[in-house]
């Protein structure tokens, strides 16, 4: 799908055709749409299709007549029948008069621009538009990270009550998501560093004075997202270790309990085994005593009770 948008007096509206100052929004474009934009804007079609490769790495390339910026943006997917977070490439192509965005999904990073909820947004100020996209990307990363930490907290609260296999799987999914986020955020940080005034080719990209402050905000937000990812990964590692310790401790308690029960149950077995030996009854206590069987049972029960009290005192029962 391909649509054209333009802002007039900071109000966005859709255009019917390509013209100067237009934002070309491409969502999972077809081969024909890619070829059309490549021919009209004199852009390498491989650069347009770069964002359609999920394994494409973030980078910035200054080509003849245009600039390609690739960043990773957060999105959701279904893993193990549950909604999980991941990252996908977002391609931004800046020509002399047009900005093109390419993505495989209708990413939430760009939705607020379409519904006109971004202040001081103009499709004609192309580099500022890029910074606003990157700022929105960093803030969505932070929002998703807070949701991930909230899910981890919910799992941690259940550890003291009951821990199920699904909690271990969910914790692993959260840890995998943080790995994706950390890798993408670091790569985005490299792109942001290339966009700084000291490294930016001013001849190829026009930058307004206030854009420098916005870029600084983007770098700060991206760095904060990186730090949040690192902190949450450490916390999840601690939660996973705590969960493993709790499971091991519960298993030890069960084994200790079963061992104690085995000790108590062994007492009647030993006594009955002794009295079951084929020896002269004169040498067997209570063999000829009235109610001897009852006495032996009572003594066995008393020994079992005393043993249970001793094990309980030693906190083995």
Protein backbone atom coordinates (compact mmCIF):
# COMPACT_ATOMS: atom_id res chain seq x y z
CA UNK A 1 0.00 0.00 0.00
CA UNK A 2 1.25 3.47 -0.86
CA UNK A 3 -0.23 6.85 0.10
CA UNK A 4 0.83 10.46 -0.25
CA UNK A 5 0.52 12.96 2.61
CA UNK A 6 1.29 16.67 2.91
CA UNK A 7 0.96 19.25 5.67
CA UNK A 8 -0.42 22.79 5.22
CA UNK A 9 -0.37 25.02 8.29
CA UNK A 10 0.58 21.98 10.38
CA UNK A 11 -2.55 20.10 9.25
CA UNK A 12 -1.96 16.87 7.37
CA UNK A 13 -4.07 15.73 4.45
CA UNK A 14 -3.80 13.05 1.81
CA UNK A 15 -2.68 13.90 -1.72
CA UNK A 16 -3.65 12.18 -4.94
CA UNK A 17 -0.26 12.34 -6.63
CA UNK A 18 3.42 12.80 -5.92
CA UNK A 19 4.71 16.37 -5.66
CA UNK A 20 7.28 18.44 -3.80
CA UNK A 21 6.94 18.41 0.00
CA UNK A 22 5.02 15.14 0.02
CA UNK A 23 5.46 12.29 2.47
CA UNK A 24 5.21 8.95 0.67
CA UNK A 25 4.06 6.33 3.15
CA UNK A 26 4.65 2.78 1.91
CA UNK A 27 3.33 -0.18 3.93
CA UNK A 28 4.42 -3.58 2.64
CA UNK A 29 4.60 -2.19 -0.91
CA UNK A 30 4.30 -4.34 -3.99
CA UNK A 31 7.04 -4.73 -6.56
CA UNK A 32 5.17 -2.37 -8.91
CA UNK A 33 4.92 0.34 -6.25
CA UNK A 34 8.62 0.05 -5.44
CA UNK A 35 9.53 0.32 -9.10
CA UNK A 36 7.25 3.35 -9.53
CA UNK A 37 8.85 5.29 -6.67
CA UNK A 38 12.35 4.23 -7.73
CA UNK A 39 11.78 5.53 -11.25
CA UNK A 40 10.12 8.81 -10.27
CA UNK A 41 12.60 9.73 -7.52
CA UNK A 42 15.66 8.16 -9.18
CA UNK A 43 16.29 5.92 -6.16
CA UNK A 44 17.87 2.48 -6.14
CA UNK A 45 15.03 -0.01 -5.75
CA UNK A 46 17.16 -2.12 -3.42
CA UNK A 47 17.26 0.81 -0.99
CA UNK A 48 13.48 1.06 -1.09
CA UNK A 49 13.09 -2.68 -0.45
CA UNK A 50 15.77 -2.77 2.25
CA UNK A 51 13.21 -2.20 5.02
CA UNK A 52 11.19 -5.19 3.79
CA UNK A 53 13.96 -7.53 4.97
CA UNK A 54 13.39 -8.30 8.66
CA UNK A 55 17.08 -9.05 9.15
CA UNK A 56 18.27 -5.73 7.71
CA UNK A 57 20.49 -3.82 10.15
CA UNK A 58 20.12 -0.16 11.10
CA UNK A 59 22.35 2.21 9.18
CA UNK A 60 22.53 5.50 7.31
CA UNK A 61 23.81 5.80 3.77
CA UNK A 62 24.44 9.00 1.81
CA UNK A 63 23.75 8.19 -1.83
CA UNK A 64 23.91 10.39 -4.92
CA UNK A 65 20.81 12.60 -4.65
CA UNK A 66 19.20 10.99 -1.61
CA UNK A 67 19.86 9.65 1.88
CA UNK A 68 18.78 6.25 3.23
CA UNK A 69 18.13 5.86 6.96
CA UNK A 70 17.27 2.45 8.38
CA UNK A 71 16.21 2.05 12.01
CA UNK A 72 14.51 -0.68 14.04
CA UNK A 73 11.10 0.16 15.48
CA UNK A 74 9.12 -1.83 18.07
CA UNK A 75 6.07 -3.84 17.09
CA UNK A 76 4.05 -6.80 18.34
CA UNK A 77 3.76 -10.38 17.17
CA UNK A 78 2.12 -13.59 18.37
CA UNK A 79 4.50 -16.09 19.98
CA UNK A 80 3.18 -19.19 21.76
CA UNK A 81 -0.38 -17.89 21.34
CA UNK A 82 0.48 -14.70 23.24
CA UNK A 83 1.25 -11.16 22.20
CA UNK A 84 4.96 -10.42 22.39
CA UNK A 85 7.18 -7.54 21.37
CA UNK A 86 9.79 -7.56 18.66
CA UNK A 87 11.44 -5.12 16.24
CA UNK A 88 11.16 -4.54 12.50
CA UNK A 89 13.10 -2.26 10.13
CA UNK A 90 11.74 1.13 9.14
CA UNK A 91 13.26 2.70 6.04
CA UNK A 92 13.37 6.47 5.58
CA UNK A 93 14.52 7.89 2.25
CA UNK A 94 15.19 11.62 1.98
CA UNK A 95 15.38 13.15 -1.47
CA UNK A 96 15.68 16.82 -2.36
CA UNK A 97 11.94 17.49 -2.02
CA UNK A 98 10.28 14.26 -0.84
CA UNK A 99 10.47 11.95 2.16
CA UNK A 100 9.60 8.26 1.81
CA UNK A 101 8.96 5.79 4.65
CA UNK A 102 8.88 2.05 4.02
CA UNK A 103 7.81 -0.62 6.51
CA UNK A 104 6.30 -4.08 6.41
CA UNK A 105 3.57 -3.10 8.92
CA UNK A 106 1.40 -0.15 9.83
CA UNK A 107 3.72 0.72 12.69
CA UNK A 108 2.37 2.81 15.59
CA UNK A 109 5.44 5.02 15.25
CA UNK A 110 3.86 6.74 12.23
CA UNK A 111 0.19 6.58 13.20
CA UNK A 112 0.25 9.77 15.28
CA UNK A 113 1.62 11.67 12.29
CA UNK A 114 -1.24 10.47 10.10
CA UNK A 115 -3.91 11.47 12.63
CA UNK A 116 -2.22 14.86 13.17
CA UNK A 117 -1.28 14.41 16.85
CA UNK A 118 2.34 15.56 16.56
CA UNK A 119 3.07 19.20 17.26
CA UNK A 120 5.12 21.28 14.82
CA UNK A 121 4.98 18.51 12.25
CA UNK A 122 5.64 19.40 8.64
CA UNK A 123 6.35 17.10 5.72
CA UNK A 124 8.37 19.90 4.14
CA UNK A 125 10.89 20.00 7.00
CA UNK A 126 12.24 16.61 6.17
CA UNK A 127 15.11 16.26 8.65
CA UNK A 128 12.94 17.46 11.53
CA UNK A 129 10.36 14.89 10.45
CA UNK A 130 13.06 12.21 10.71
CA UNK A 131 13.99 13.37 14.21
CA UNK A 132 10.34 13.32 15.24
CA UNK A 133 10.03 9.75 13.93
CA UNK A 134 13.13 8.71 15.88
CA UNK A 135 11.87 10.49 19.01
CA UNK A 136 8.54 8.69 18.71
CA UNK A 137 10.40 5.41 18.24
CA UNK A 138 12.43 5.90 21.43
CA UNK A 139 9.35 6.78 23.50
CA UNK A 140 7.46 3.70 22.25
CA UNK A 141 10.46 1.56 23.20
CA UNK A 142 10.26 3.01 26.71
CA UNK A 143 6.50 2.40 26.92
CA UNK A 144 6.92 -1.22 25.85
CA UNK A 145 9.77 -1.68 28.32
CA UNK A 146 7.54 -0.50 31.18
CA UNK A 147 4.87 -2.98 30.09
CA UNK A 148 7.49 -5.76 30.03
CA UNK A 149 8.62 -4.85 33.55
CA UNK A 150 5.01 -4.87 34.72
CA UNK A 151 4.58 -8.40 33.33
CA UNK A 152 7.76 -9.45 35.11
CA UNK A 153 6.41 -8.03 38.36
CA UNK A 154 3.21 -10.05 37.96
CA UNK A 155 5.24 -13.23 37.49
CA UNK A 156 7.41 -12.38 40.50
CA UNK A 157 4.35 -11.89 42.70
CA UNK A 158 3.18 -15.41 41.88
CA UNK A 159 6.46 -17.00 42.91
CA UNK A 160 5.57 -16.99 46.61
CA UNK A 161 2.20 -18.62 45.96
CA UNK A 162 2.58 -21.03 43.08
CA UNK A 163 4.89 -21.22 40.10
CA UNK A 164 3.78 -22.87 36.90
CA UNK A 165 5.61 -23.85 33.74
CA UNK A 166 3.87 -21.04 31.86
CA UNK A 167 5.58 -18.50 34.14
CA UNK A 168 8.99 -19.83 33.14
CA UNK A 169 8.03 -19.65 29.47
CA UNK A 170 6.70 -16.09 29.86
CA UNK A 171 9.87 -15.02 31.65
CA UNK A 172 11.96 -16.46 28.83
CA UNK A 173 9.84 -14.58 26.27
CA UNK A 174 10.37 -11.32 28.13
CA UNK A 175 14.10 -11.92 28.27
CA UNK A 176 14.19 -12.67 24.53
CA UNK A 177 12.29 -9.46 23.82
CA UNK A 178 14.81 -7.45 25.82
CA UNK A 179 17.62 -8.98 23.78
CA UNK A 180 15.91 -7.81 20.57
CA UNK A 181 15.33 -4.36 22.06
CA UNK A 182 18.91 -4.00 23.29
CA UNK A 183 20.36 -4.94 19.90
CA UNK A 184 18.02 -2.61 18.01
CA UNK A 185 18.50 0.33 20.37
CA UNK A 186 22.28 0.12 20.15
CA UNK A 187 22.08 0.04 16.35
CA UNK A 188 19.70 3.02 16.39
CA UNK A 189 22.18 4.82 18.62
CA UNK A 190 24.84 4.45 15.93
CA UNK A 191 22.46 6.00 13.38
CA UNK A 192 21.72 8.90 15.74
CA UNK A 193 25.43 9.49 16.17
CA UNK A 194 25.79 9.72 12.37
CA UNK A 195 23.03 12.34 12.34
CA UNK A 196 24.80 14.71 14.73
CA UNK A 197 25.96 18.04 13.21
CA UNK A 198 29.65 17.13 13.51
CA UNK A 199 29.14 14.07 11.28
CA UNK A 200 26.16 15.09 9.17
CA UNK A 201 26.73 16.17 5.59
CA UNK A 202 24.95 19.55 5.64
CA UNK A 203 25.04 19.76 1.87
CA UNK A 204 22.85 16.71 1.46
CA UNK A 205 20.41 17.40 4.32
CA UNK A 206 18.99 20.75 5.36
CA UNK A 207 18.92 21.17 9.13
CA UNK A 208 17.11 23.98 10.98
CA UNK A 209 18.71 25.44 14.14
CA UNK A 210 15.97 24.08 16.42
CA UNK A 211 16.47 20.61 14.96
CA UNK A 212 19.75 20.24 16.88
CA UNK A 213 17.92 20.48 20.21
CA UNK A 214 15.36 17.93 19.03
CA UNK A 215 18.14 15.56 17.98
CA UNK A 216 19.66 15.95 21.44
CA UNK A 217 16.33 14.94 22.98
CA UNK A 218 16.17 11.92 20.69
CA UNK A 219 19.68 10.81 21.70
CA UNK A 220 18.80 11.21 25.40
CA UNK A 221 15.55 9.23 25.04
CA UNK A 222 17.29 6.48 23.07
CA UNK A 223 20.07 6.26 25.66
CA UNK A 224 17.47 6.10 28.42
CA UNK A 225 15.74 3.22 26.61
CA UNK A 226 19.09 1.42 26.36
CA UNK A 227 19.68 1.85 30.10
CA UNK A 228 16.13 0.69 30.89
CA UNK A 229 16.68 -2.41 28.75
CA UNK A 230 19.92 -3.21 30.57
CA UNK A 231 18.34 -2.72 33.99
CA UNK A 232 15.27 -4.80 33.18
CA UNK A 233 17.44 -7.60 31.76
CA UNK A 234 19.41 -7.72 35.00
CA UNK A 235 16.19 -7.75 37.02
CA UNK A 236 14.71 -10.55 34.90
CA UNK A 237 17.92 -12.56 35.36
CA UNK A 238 17.52 -12.08 39.11
CA UNK A 239 13.85 -13.10 38.93
CA UNK A 240 14.73 -16.21 36.94
CA UNK A 241 17.41 -17.17 39.48
CA UNK A 242 14.94 -16.54 42.31
CA UNK A 243 12.36 -18.72 40.61
CA UNK A 244 14.90 -21.51 40.13
CA UNK A 245 15.94 -21.26 43.78
CA UNK A 246 12.32 -21.39 44.95
CA UNK A 247 11.61 -24.43 42.77
CA UNK A 248 14.74 -26.18 44.04
CA UNK A 249 13.84 -25.34 47.63
CA UNK A 250 10.33 -26.70 47.18
CA UNK A 251 11.73 -29.88 45.69
CA UNK A 252 14.13 -30.23 48.63
CA UNK A 253 11.25 -29.77 51.06
CA UNK A 254 9.23 -32.45 49.30
CA UNK A 255 12.18 -34.85 49.31
CA UNK A 256 12.80 -34.13 53.00
CA UNK A 257 9.16 -34.75 53.80
CA UNK A 258 9.08 -38.01 51.85
CA UNK A 259 12.32 -39.14 53.53
CA UNK A 260 10.83 -38.47 56.97
CA UNK A 261 7.68 -40.40 56.10
CA UNK A 262 9.85 -43.28 54.87
CA UNK A 263 11.72 -43.35 58.19
CA UNK A 264 8.50 -43.45 60.20
CA UNK A 265 6.96 -46.14 57.96
CA UNK A 266 10.13 -48.23 58.24
CA UNK A 267 9.65 -48.71 62.00
CA UNK A 268 6.54 -50.97 61.75
CA UNK A 269 8.14 -52.78 58.86
CA UNK A 270 11.28 -53.57 60.88
CA UNK A 271 9.32 -54.72 63.94
CA UNK A 272 6.92 -56.86 61.94
CA UNK A 273 9.88 -58.32 60.08
CA UNK A 274 11.58 -59.31 63.34
CA UNK A 275 8.46 -60.99 64.64
CA UNK A 276 7.99 -62.74 61.35
CA UNK A 277 11.29 -64.62 61.73
CA UNK A 278 11.06 -68.39 62.13
CA UNK A 279 12.59 -68.73 65.64
CA UNK A 280 11.56 -70.31 68.94
CA UNK A 281 8.71 -68.38 70.50
CA UNK A 282 10.43 -68.54 73.90
CA UNK A 283 12.88 -65.96 72.68
CA UNK A 284 10.29 -63.58 71.25
CA UNK A 285 9.02 -60.88 73.66
CA UNK A 286 5.29 -60.96 74.34
CA UNK A 287 4.97 -64.22 72.41
CA UNK A 288 2.98 -65.89 75.20
CA UNK A 289 1.70 -62.75 76.88
CA UNK A 290 -2.09 -62.17 76.88
CA UNK A 291 -2.91 -59.44 74.36
CA UNK A 292 0.69 -59.59 73.14
CA UNK A 293 -0.26 -58.59 69.62
CA UNK A 294 -2.02 -55.50 70.93
CA UNK A 295 0.94 -54.57 73.12
CA UNK A 296 3.34 -54.86 70.19
CA UNK A 297 1.08 -52.66 68.04
CA UNK A 298 0.83 -50.05 70.80
CA UNK A 299 4.61 -50.03 71.34
CA UNK A 300 5.16 -49.72 67.59
CA UNK A 301 2.75 -46.80 67.45
CA UNK A 302 4.48 -45.09 70.38
CA UNK A 303 7.88 -45.48 68.74
CA UNK A 304 6.48 -44.01 65.51
CA UNK A 305 4.99 -41.05 67.40
CA UNK A 306 8.24 -40.39 69.25
CA UNK A 307 10.16 -40.55 65.96
CA UNK A 308 7.72 -38.12 64.35
CA UNK A 309 8.12 -35.70 67.27
CA UNK A 310 11.91 -35.86 66.97
CA UNK A 311 11.74 -35.26 63.18
CA UNK A 312 9.28 -32.41 63.70
CA UNK A 313 11.59 -30.81 66.26
CA UNK A 314 14.38 -31.00 63.70
CA UNK A 315 11.99 -29.38 61.16
CA UNK A 316 12.00 -32.40 58.91
CA UNK A 317 8.22 -32.76 59.06
